[in-house]
Amino acid sequence: MNSKKLKCPFCERLYGYETNLRAHIRQRHQGIRVPCPYCTRTFTRNNTVRRHIAREHKLEQYNINSIKCEQHQMSQLQSHSQ
C-alpha cells in the first residue's frame, strides 16, 4: 500500500485507497446512495449492493447498471476527488 494518505477535501478523514475516499465522499458529503431494488436498504458502493442482493435475496447475478443511484452526481464526485 502506498504510505501516502489521501485526505478528504471536505473534512479531516484520511484514506489509504482512492476507492475508500470516493465512497466516503459519496456517503457523507454528497448523500449518494445505491438502493436495493428488493428492499429499503441503501449502500454507498455498487459491489456492496450486489453482495447484499446475493446474500439476502439469494440472487447470484444482478446487473448493477440497472440500478440508478439516488442523487446521481458522478461527474461532481470525480471533480472533487482530483
PDB file of N, CA and C in Angstrom:
ATOM      1  N   MET A   1       0.853  -1.189   0.000  1.00  0.00           N
ATOM      2  CA  MET A   1       0.000   0.000   0.000  1.00  0.00           C
ATOM      3  C   MET A   1       0.885   1.233   0.000  1.00  0.00           C
ATOM      4  N   ASN A   2       0.477   2.224  -0.731  1.00  0.00           N
ATOM      5  CA  ASN A   2       1.172   3.495  -0.757  1.00  0.00           C
ATOM      6  C   ASN A   2       1.044   4.139   0.623  1.00  0.00           C
ATOM      7  N   SER A   3       2.177   4.585   1.194  1.00  0.00           N
ATOM      8  CA  SER A   3       2.142   5.141   2.546  1.00  0.00           C
ATOM      9  C   SER A   3       1.517   6.534   2.585  1.00  0.00           C
ATOM     10  N   LYS A   4       1.343   7.154   1.427  1.00  0.00           N
ATOM     11  CA  LYS A   4       0.724   8.475   1.383  1.00  0.00           C
ATOM     12  C   LYS A   4      -0.794   8.335   1.556  1.00  0.00           C
ATOM     13  N   LYS A   5      -1.309   9.038   2.532  1.00  0.00           N
ATOM     14  CA  LYS A   5      -2.741   9.001   2.789  1.00  0.00           C
ATOM     15  C   LYS A   5      -3.444  10.060   1.947  1.00  0.00           C
ATOM     16  N   LEU A   6      -4.651   9.745   1.527  1.00  0.00           N
ATOM     17  CA  LEU A   6      -5.474  10.668   0.748  1.00  0.00           C
ATOM     18  C   LEU A   6      -6.440  11.357   1.696  1.00  0.00           C
ATOM     19  N   LYS A   7      -6.422  12.686   1.705  1.00  0.00           N
ATOM     20  CA  LYS A   7      -7.271  13.463   2.610  1.00  0.00           C
ATOM     21  C   LYS A   7      -8.561  13.857   1.911  1.00  0.00           C
ATOM     22  N   CYS A   8      -9.641  13.723   2.618  1.00  0.00           N
ATOM     23  CA  CYS A   8     -10.929  14.168   2.104  1.00  0.00           C
ATOM     24  C   CYS A   8     -10.894  15.682   1.954  1.00  0.00           C
ATOM     25  N   PRO A   9     -11.345  16.205   0.810  1.00  0.00           N
ATOM     26  CA  PRO A   9     -11.328  17.663   0.612  1.00  0.00           C
ATOM     27  C   PRO A   9     -12.384  18.405   1.442  1.00  0.00           C
ATOM     28  N   PHE A  10     -13.285  17.663   2.100  1.00  0.00           N
ATOM     29  CA  PHE A  10     -14.375  18.281   2.857  1.00  0.00           C
ATOM     30  C   PHE A  10     -14.226  18.154   4.367  1.00  0.00           C
ATOM     31  N   CYS A  11     -13.381  17.235   4.818  1.00  0.00           N
ATOM     32  CA  CYS A  11     -13.182  17.044   6.253  1.00  0.00           C
ATOM     33  C   CYS A  11     -11.766  16.526   6.485  1.00  0.00           C
ATOM     34  N   GLU A  12     -11.473  16.084   7.666  1.00  0.00           N
ATOM     35  CA  GLU A  12     -10.117  15.680   8.034  1.00  0.00           C
ATOM     36  C   GLU A  12      -9.828  14.191   7.851  1.00  0.00           C
ATOM     37  N   ARG A  13     -10.785  13.417   7.341  1.00  0.00           N
ATOM     38  CA  ARG A  13     -10.601  11.979   7.198  1.00  0.00           C
ATOM     39  C   ARG A  13      -9.498  11.654   6.191  1.00  0.00           C
ATOM     40  N   LEU A  14      -8.706  10.625   6.513  1.00  0.00           N
ATOM     41  CA  LEU A  14      -7.615  10.169   5.652  1.00  0.00           C
ATOM     42  C   LEU A  14      -7.878   8.732   5.219  1.00  0.00           C
ATOM     43  N   TYR A  15      -7.510   8.417   3.966  1.00  0.00           N
ATOM     44  CA  TYR A  15      -7.725   7.089   3.421  1.00  0.00           C
ATOM     45  C   TYR A  15      -6.489   6.614   2.678  1.00  0.00           C
ATOM     46  N   GLY A  16      -6.250   5.327   2.736  1.00  0.00           N
ATOM     47  CA  GLY A  16      -5.120   4.727   2.046  1.00  0.00           C
ATOM     48  C   GLY A  16      -5.435   4.369   0.605  1.00  0.00           C
ATOM     49  N   TYR A  17      -6.716   4.269   0.290  1.00  0.00           N
ATOM     50  CA  TYR A  17      -7.131   3.897  -1.059  1.00  0.00           C
ATOM     51  C   TYR A  17      -8.134   4.916  -1.599  1.00  0.00           C
ATOM     52  N   GLU A  18      -8.003   5.239  -2.880  1.00  0.00           N
ATOM     53  CA  GLU A  18      -8.894   6.208  -3.506  1.00  0.00           C
ATOM     54  C   GLU A  18     -10.338   5.712  -3.525  1.00  0.00           C
ATOM     55  N   THR A  19     -10.539   4.414  -3.691  1.00  0.00           N
ATOM     56  CA  THR A  19     -11.906   3.887  -3.698  1.00  0.00           C
ATOM     57  C   THR A  19     -12.606   4.124  -2.367  1.00  0.00           C
ATOM     58  N   ASN A  20     -11.875   4.007  -1.267  1.00  0.00           N
ATOM     59  CA  ASN A  20     -12.468   4.270   0.049  1.00  0.00           C
ATOM     60  C   ASN A  20     -12.777   5.743   0.228  1.00  0.00           C
ATOM     61  N   LEU A  21     -11.895   6.611  -0.252  1.00  0.00           N
ATOM     62  CA  LEU A  21     -12.143   8.054  -0.195  1.00  0.00           C
ATOM     63  C   LEU A  21     -13.383   8.407  -1.003  1.00  0.00           C
ATOM     64  N   ARG A  22     -13.504   7.852  -2.194  1.00  0.00           N
ATOM     65  CA  ARG A  22     -14.676   8.142  -3.036  1.00  0.00           C
ATOM     66  C   ARG A  22     -15.968   7.689  -2.371  1.00  0.00           C
ATOM     67  N   ALA A  23     -15.951   6.512  -1.770  1.00  0.00           N
ATOM     68  CA  ALA A  23     -17.142   6.018  -1.077  1.00  0.00           C
ATOM     69  C   ALA A  23     -17.501   6.937   0.084  1.00  0.00           C
ATOM     70  N   HIS A  24     -16.504   7.396   0.831  1.00  0.00           N
ATOM     71  CA  HIS A  24     -16.723   8.335   1.934  1.00  0.00           C
ATOM     72  C   HIS A  24     -17.376   9.620   1.432  1.00  0.00           C
ATOM     73  N   ILE A  25     -16.854  10.183   0.351  1.00  0.00           N
ATOM     74  CA  ILE A  25     -17.401  11.431  -0.198  1.00  0.00           C
ATOM     75  C   ILE A  25     -18.835  11.218  -0.653  1.00  0.00           C
ATOM     76  N   ARG A  26     -19.089  10.113  -1.355  1.00  0.00           N
ATOM     77  CA  ARG A  26     -20.457   9.826  -1.820  1.00  0.00           C
ATOM     78  C   ARG A  26     -21.432   9.752  -0.651  1.00  0.00           C
ATOM     79  N   GLN A  27     -21.045   9.038   0.393  1.00  0.00           N
ATOM     80  CA  GLN A  27     -21.964   8.819   1.504  1.00  0.00           C
ATOM     81  C   GLN A  27     -22.089  10.029   2.411  1.00  0.00           C
ATOM     82  N   ARG A  28     -20.980  10.567   2.873  1.00  0.00           N
ATOM     83  CA  ARG A  28     -21.014  11.605   3.897  1.00  0.00           C
ATOM     84  C   ARG A  28     -21.232  13.015   3.376  1.00  0.00           C
ATOM     85  N   HIS A  29     -20.717  13.309   2.187  1.00  0.00           N
ATOM     86  CA  HIS A  29     -20.752  14.694   1.727  1.00  0.00           C
ATOM     87  C   HIS A  29     -21.697  14.935   0.552  1.00  0.00           C
ATOM     88  N   GLN A  30     -22.025  13.904  -0.202  1.00  0.00           N
ATOM     89  CA  GLN A  30     -22.929  14.079  -1.333  1.00  0.00           C
ATOM     90  C   GLN A  30     -24.258  13.367  -1.142  1.00  0.00           C
ATOM     91  N   GLY A  31     -24.336  12.503  -0.170  1.00  0.00           N
ATOM     92  CA  GLY A  31     -25.587  11.799   0.096  1.00  0.00           C
ATOM     93  C   GLY A  31     -25.974  10.813  -0.993  1.00  0.00           C
ATOM     94  N   ILE A  32     -25.028  10.378  -1.822  1.00  0.00           N
ATOM     95  CA  ILE A  32     -25.338   9.448  -2.893  1.00  0.00           C
ATOM     96  C   ILE A  32     -25.419   8.039  -2.324  1.00  0.00           C
ATOM     97  N   ARG A  33     -26.526   7.384  -2.579  1.00  0.00           N
ATOM     98  CA  ARG A  33     -26.755   6.027  -2.096  1.00  0.00           C
ATOM     99  C   ARG A  33     -27.276   5.180  -3.260  1.00  0.00           C
ATOM    100  N   VAL A  34     -26.920   3.900  -3.268  1.00  0.00           N
ATOM    101  CA  VAL A  34     -27.415   2.954  -4.263  1.00  0.00           C
ATOM    102  C   VAL A  34     -28.482   2.111  -3.576  1.00  0.00           C
ATOM    103  N   PRO A  35     -29.736   2.217  -4.019  1.00  0.00           N
ATOM    104  CA  PRO A  35     -30.801   1.464  -3.351  1.00  0.00           C
ATOM    105  C   PRO A  35     -30.857   0.019  -3.811  1.00  0.00           C
ATOM    106  N   CYS A  36     -31.226  -0.852  -2.901  1.00  0.00           N
ATOM    107  CA  CYS A  36     -31.515  -2.234  -3.259  1.00  0.00           C
ATOM    108  C   CYS A  36     -32.901  -2.238  -3.911  1.00  0.00           C
ATOM    109  N   PRO A  37     -33.028  -2.875  -5.079  1.00  0.00           N
ATOM    110  CA  PRO A  37     -34.340  -2.887  -5.741  1.00  0.00           C
ATOM    111  C   PRO A  37     -35.341  -3.838  -5.088  1.00  0.00           C
ATOM    112  N   TYR A  38     -34.899  -4.613  -4.089  1.00  0.00           N
ATOM    113  CA  TYR A  38     -35.759  -5.604  -3.462  1.00  0.00           C
ATOM    114  C   TYR A  38     -36.181  -5.257  -2.040  1.00  0.00           C
ATOM    115  N   CYS A  39     -35.549  -4.259  -1.432  1.00  0.00           N
ATOM    116  CA  CYS A  39     -35.902  -3.872  -0.067  1.00  0.00           C
ATOM    117  C   CYS A  39     -35.580  -2.384   0.121  1.00  0.00           C
ATOM    118  N   THR A  40     -35.623  -1.921   1.328  1.00  0.00           N
ATOM    119  CA  THR A  40     -35.432  -0.488   1.593  1.00  0.00           C
ATOM    120  C   THR A  40     -33.990  -0.095   1.892  1.00  0.00           C
ATOM    121  N   ARG A  41     -33.063  -1.046   1.899  1.00  0.00           N
ATOM    122  CA  ARG A  41     -31.665  -0.729   2.227  1.00  0.00           C
ATOM    123  C   ARG A  41     -30.995   0.030   1.099  1.00  0.00           C
ATOM    124  N   THR A  42     -30.032   0.883   1.480  1.00  0.00           N
ATOM    125  CA  THR A  42     -29.229   1.615   0.502  1.00  0.00           C
ATOM    126  C   THR A  42     -27.759   1.445   0.853  1.00  0.00           C
ATOM    127  N   PHE A  43     -26.896   1.629  -0.141  1.00  0.00           N
ATOM    128  CA  PHE A  43     -25.468   1.383   0.020  1.00  0.00           C
ATOM    129  C   PHE A  43     -24.674   2.468  -0.698  1.00  0.00           C
ATOM    130  N   THR A  44     -23.391   2.588  -0.348  1.00  0.00           N
ATOM    131  CA  THR A  44     -22.541   3.592  -0.998  1.00  0.00           C
ATOM    132  C   THR A  44     -21.799   3.027  -2.201  1.00  0.00           C
ATOM    133  N   ARG A  45     -21.709   1.723  -2.299  1.00  0.00           N
ATOM    134  CA  ARG A  45     -20.937   1.109  -3.384  1.00  0.00           C
ATOM    135  C   ARG A  45     -21.773   0.084  -4.139  1.00  0.00           C
ATOM    136  N   ASN A  46     -21.548   0.037  -5.455  1.00  0.00           N
ATOM    137  CA  ASN A  46     -22.246  -0.940  -6.292  1.00  0.00           C
ATOM    138  C   ASN A  46     -21.941  -2.361  -5.864  1.00  0.00           C
ATOM    139  N   ASN A  47     -20.676  -2.648  -5.554  1.00  0.00           N
ATOM    140  CA  ASN A  47     -20.324  -4.021  -5.181  1.00  0.00           C
ATOM    141  C   ASN A  47     -20.973  -4.422  -3.858  1.00  0.00           C
ATOM    142  N   THR A  48     -21.210  -3.479  -2.984  1.00  0.00           N
ATOM    143  CA  THR A  48     -21.851  -3.791  -1.701  1.00  0.00           C
ATOM    144  C   THR A  48     -23.319  -4.141  -1.900  1.00  0.00           C
ATOM    145  N   VAL A  49     -24.021  -3.404  -2.747  1.00  0.00           N
ATOM    146  CA  VAL A  49     -25.422  -3.730  -3.002  1.00  0.00           C
ATOM    147  C   VAL A  49     -25.516  -5.054  -3.757  1.00  0.00           C
ATOM    148  N   ARG A  50     -24.574  -5.325  -4.636  1.00  0.00           N
ATOM    149  CA  ARG A  50     -24.556  -6.595  -5.364  1.00  0.00           C
ATOM    150  C   ARG A  50     -24.377  -7.774  -4.394  1.00  0.00           C
ATOM    151  N   ARG A  51     -23.452  -7.634  -3.436  1.00  0.00           N
ATOM    152  CA  ARG A  51     -23.217  -8.671  -2.430  1.00  0.00           C
ATOM    153  C   ARG A  51     -24.461  -8.844  -1.543  1.00  0.00           C
ATOM    154  N   HIS A  52     -25.068  -7.729  -1.156  1.00  0.00           N
ATOM    155  CA  HIS A  52     -26.294  -7.766  -0.355  1.00  0.00           C
ATOM    156  C   HIS A  52     -27.393  -8.538  -1.087  1.00  0.00           C
ATOM    157  N   ILE A  53     -27.574  -8.247  -2.375  1.00  0.00           N
ATOM    158  CA  ILE A  53     -28.614  -8.930  -3.154  1.00  0.00           C
ATOM    159  C   ILE A  53     -28.344 -10.424  -3.205  1.00  0.00           C
ATOM    160  N   ALA A  54     -27.095 -10.808  -3.417  1.00  0.00           N
ATOM    161  CA  ALA A  54     -26.751 -12.231  -3.480  1.00  0.00           C
ATOM    162  C   ALA A  54     -26.993 -12.929  -2.145  1.00  0.00           C
ATOM    163  N   ARG A  55     -26.621 -12.280  -1.055  1.00  0.00           N
ATOM    164  CA  ARG A  55     -26.760 -12.911   0.267  1.00  0.00           C
ATOM    165  C   ARG A  55     -28.180 -12.866   0.813  1.00  0.00           C
ATOM    166  N   GLU A  56     -28.786 -11.711   0.766  1.00  0.00           N
ATOM    167  CA  GLU A  56     -30.084 -11.528   1.420  1.00  0.00           C
ATOM    168  C   GLU A  56     -31.271 -11.921   0.553  1.00  0.00           C
ATOM    169  N   HIS A  57     -31.134 -11.754  -0.755  1.00  0.00           N
ATOM    170  CA  HIS A  57     -32.256 -12.032  -1.648  1.00  0.00           C
ATOM    171  C   HIS A  57     -32.001 -13.271  -2.500  1.00  0.00           C
ATOM    172  N   LYS A  58     -30.844 -13.923  -2.264  1.00  0.00           N
ATOM    173  CA  LYS A  58     -30.487 -15.195  -2.907  1.00  0.00           C
ATOM    174  C   LYS A  58     -30.460 -15.118  -4.433  1.00  0.00           C
ATOM    175  N   LEU A  59     -30.026 -13.986  -4.956  1.00  0.00           N
ATOM    176  CA  LEU A  59     -29.853 -13.827  -6.397  1.00  0.00           C
ATOM    177  C   LEU A  59     -28.363 -13.674  -6.665  1.00  0.00           C
ATOM    178  N   GLU A  60     -27.767 -14.647  -7.345  1.00  0.00           N
ATOM    179  CA  GLU A  60     -26.317 -14.659  -7.536  1.00  0.00           C
ATOM    180  C   GLU A  60     -25.835 -13.588  -8.505  1.00  0.00           C
ATOM    181  N   GLN A  61     -26.565 -13.368  -9.579  1.00  0.00           N
ATOM    182  CA  GLN A  61     -26.120 -12.379 -10.556  1.00  0.00           C
ATOM    183  C   GLN A  61     -27.166 -11.282 -10.658  1.00  0.00           C
ATOM    184  N   TYR A  62     -26.678 -10.058 -10.642  1.00  0.00           N
ATOM    185  CA  TYR A  62     -27.579  -8.917 -10.778  1.00  0.00           C
ATOM    186  C   TYR A  62     -26.859  -7.851 -11.570  1.00  0.00           C
ATOM    187  N   ASN A  63     -27.515  -7.291 -12.559  1.00  0.00           N
ATOM    188  CA  ASN A  63     -26.918  -6.253 -13.386  1.00  0.00           C
ATOM    189  C   ASN A  63     -27.005  -4.924 -12.652  1.00  0.00           C
ATOM    190  N   ILE A  64     -25.888  -4.501 -12.066  1.00  0.00           N
ATOM    191  CA  ILE A  64     -25.859  -3.272 -11.264  1.00  0.00           C
ATOM    192  C   ILE A  64     -26.145  -2.040 -12.118  1.00  0.00           C
ATOM    193  N   ASN A  65     -25.948  -2.130 -13.421  1.00  0.00           N
ATOM    194  CA  ASN A  65     -26.212  -0.988 -14.300  1.00  0.00           C
ATOM    195  C   ASN A  65     -27.694  -0.656 -14.369  1.00  0.00           C
ATOM    196  N   SER A  66     -28.539  -1.591 -13.967  1.00  0.00           N
ATOM    197  CA  SER A  66     -29.973  -1.322 -13.985  1.00  0.00           C
ATOM    198  C   SER A  66     -30.424  -0.537 -12.748  1.00  0.00           C
ATOM    199  N   ILE A  67     -29.536  -0.392 -11.766  1.00  0.00           N
ATOM    200  CA  ILE A  67     -29.859   0.367 -10.555  1.00  0.00           C
ATOM    201  C   ILE A  67     -29.430   1.814 -10.754  1.00  0.00           C
ATOM    202  N   LYS A  68     -30.284   2.729 -10.428  1.00  0.00           N
ATOM    203  CA  LYS A  68     -29.971   4.154 -10.516  1.00  0.00           C
ATOM    204  C   LYS A  68     -29.607   4.676  -9.134  1.00  0.00           C
ATOM    205  N   CYS A  69     -28.500   5.386  -9.039  1.00  0.00           N
ATOM    206  CA  CYS A  69     -28.093   5.985  -7.767  1.00  0.00           C
ATOM    207  C   CYS A  69     -29.028   7.129  -7.422  1.00  0.00           C
ATOM    208  N   GLU A  70     -29.321   7.267  -6.146  1.00  0.00           N
ATOM    209  CA  GLU A  70     -30.064   8.426  -5.687  1.00  0.00           C
ATOM    210  C   GLU A  70     -29.125   9.622  -5.747  1.00  0.00           C
ATOM    211  N   GLN A  71     -29.613  10.740  -6.207  1.00  0.00           N
ATOM    212  CA  GLN A  71     -28.810  11.961  -6.353  1.00  0.00           C
ATOM    213  C   GLN A  71     -27.554  11.663  -7.167  1.00  0.00           C
ATOM    214  N   HIS A  72     -27.735  11.058  -8.341  1.00  0.00           N
ATOM    215  CA  HIS A  72     -26.613  10.614  -9.176  1.00  0.00           C
ATOM    216  C   HIS A  72     -25.805  11.820  -9.648  1.00  0.00           C
ATOM    217  N   GLN A  73     -24.601  12.000  -9.074  1.00  0.00           N
ATOM    218  CA  GLN A  73     -23.745  13.151  -9.362  1.00  0.00           C
ATOM    219  C   GLN A  73     -22.308  12.687  -9.566  1.00  0.00           C
ATOM    220  N   MET A  74     -22.097  11.671 -10.390  1.00  0.00           N
ATOM    221  CA  MET A  74     -20.773  11.094 -10.528  1.00  0.00           C
ATOM    222  C   MET A  74     -19.756  12.079 -11.101  1.00  0.00           C
ATOM    223  N   SER A  75     -20.171  12.976 -11.992  1.00  0.00           N
ATOM    224  CA  SER A  75     -19.213  13.933 -12.544  1.00  0.00           C
ATOM    225  C   SER A  75     -18.727  14.879 -11.457  1.00  0.00           C
ATOM    226  N   GLN A  76     -19.600  15.258 -10.536  1.00  0.00           N
ATOM    227  CA  GLN A  76     -19.178  16.103  -9.425  1.00  0.00           C
ATOM    228  C   GLN A  76     -18.249  15.345  -8.507  1.00  0.00           C
ATOM    229  N   LEU A  77     -18.512  14.073  -8.292  1.00  0.00           N
ATOM    230  CA  LEU A  77     -17.659  13.252  -7.446  1.00  0.00           C
ATOM    231  C   LEU A  77     -16.254  13.165  -8.023  1.00  0.00           C
ATOM    232  N   GLN A  78     -16.153  12.957  -9.335  1.00  0.00           N
ATOM    233  CA  GLN A  78     -14.859  12.863  -9.969  1.00  0.00           C
ATOM    234  C   GLN A  78     -14.081  14.165  -9.836  1.00  0.00           C
ATOM    235  N   SER A  79     -14.737  15.307  -9.962  1.00  0.00           N
ATOM    236  CA  SER A  79     -14.025  16.578  -9.837  1.00  0.00           C
ATOM    237  C   SER A  79     -13.574  16.825  -8.406  1.00  0.00           C
ATOM    238  N   HIS A  80     -14.322  16.336  -7.415  1.00  0.00           N
ATOM    239  CA  HIS A  80     -13.928  16.510  -6.013  1.00  0.00           C
ATOM    240  C   HIS A  80     -12.757  15.624  -5.630  1.00  0.00           C
ATOM    241  N   SER A  81     -12.634  14.466  -6.277  1.00  0.00           N
ATOM    242  CA  SER A  81     -11.593  13.536  -5.873  1.00  0.00           C
ATOM    243  C   SER A  81     -10.265  13.802  -6.546  1.00  0.00           C
ATOM    244  N   GLN A  82     -10.221  14.765  -7.458  1.00  0.00           N
ATOM    245  CA  GLN A  82      -8.964  15.053  -8.157  1.00  0.00           C
ATOM    246  C   GLN A  82      -8.108  16.013  -7.378  1.00  0.00           C
TER     247      GLN A  82
END
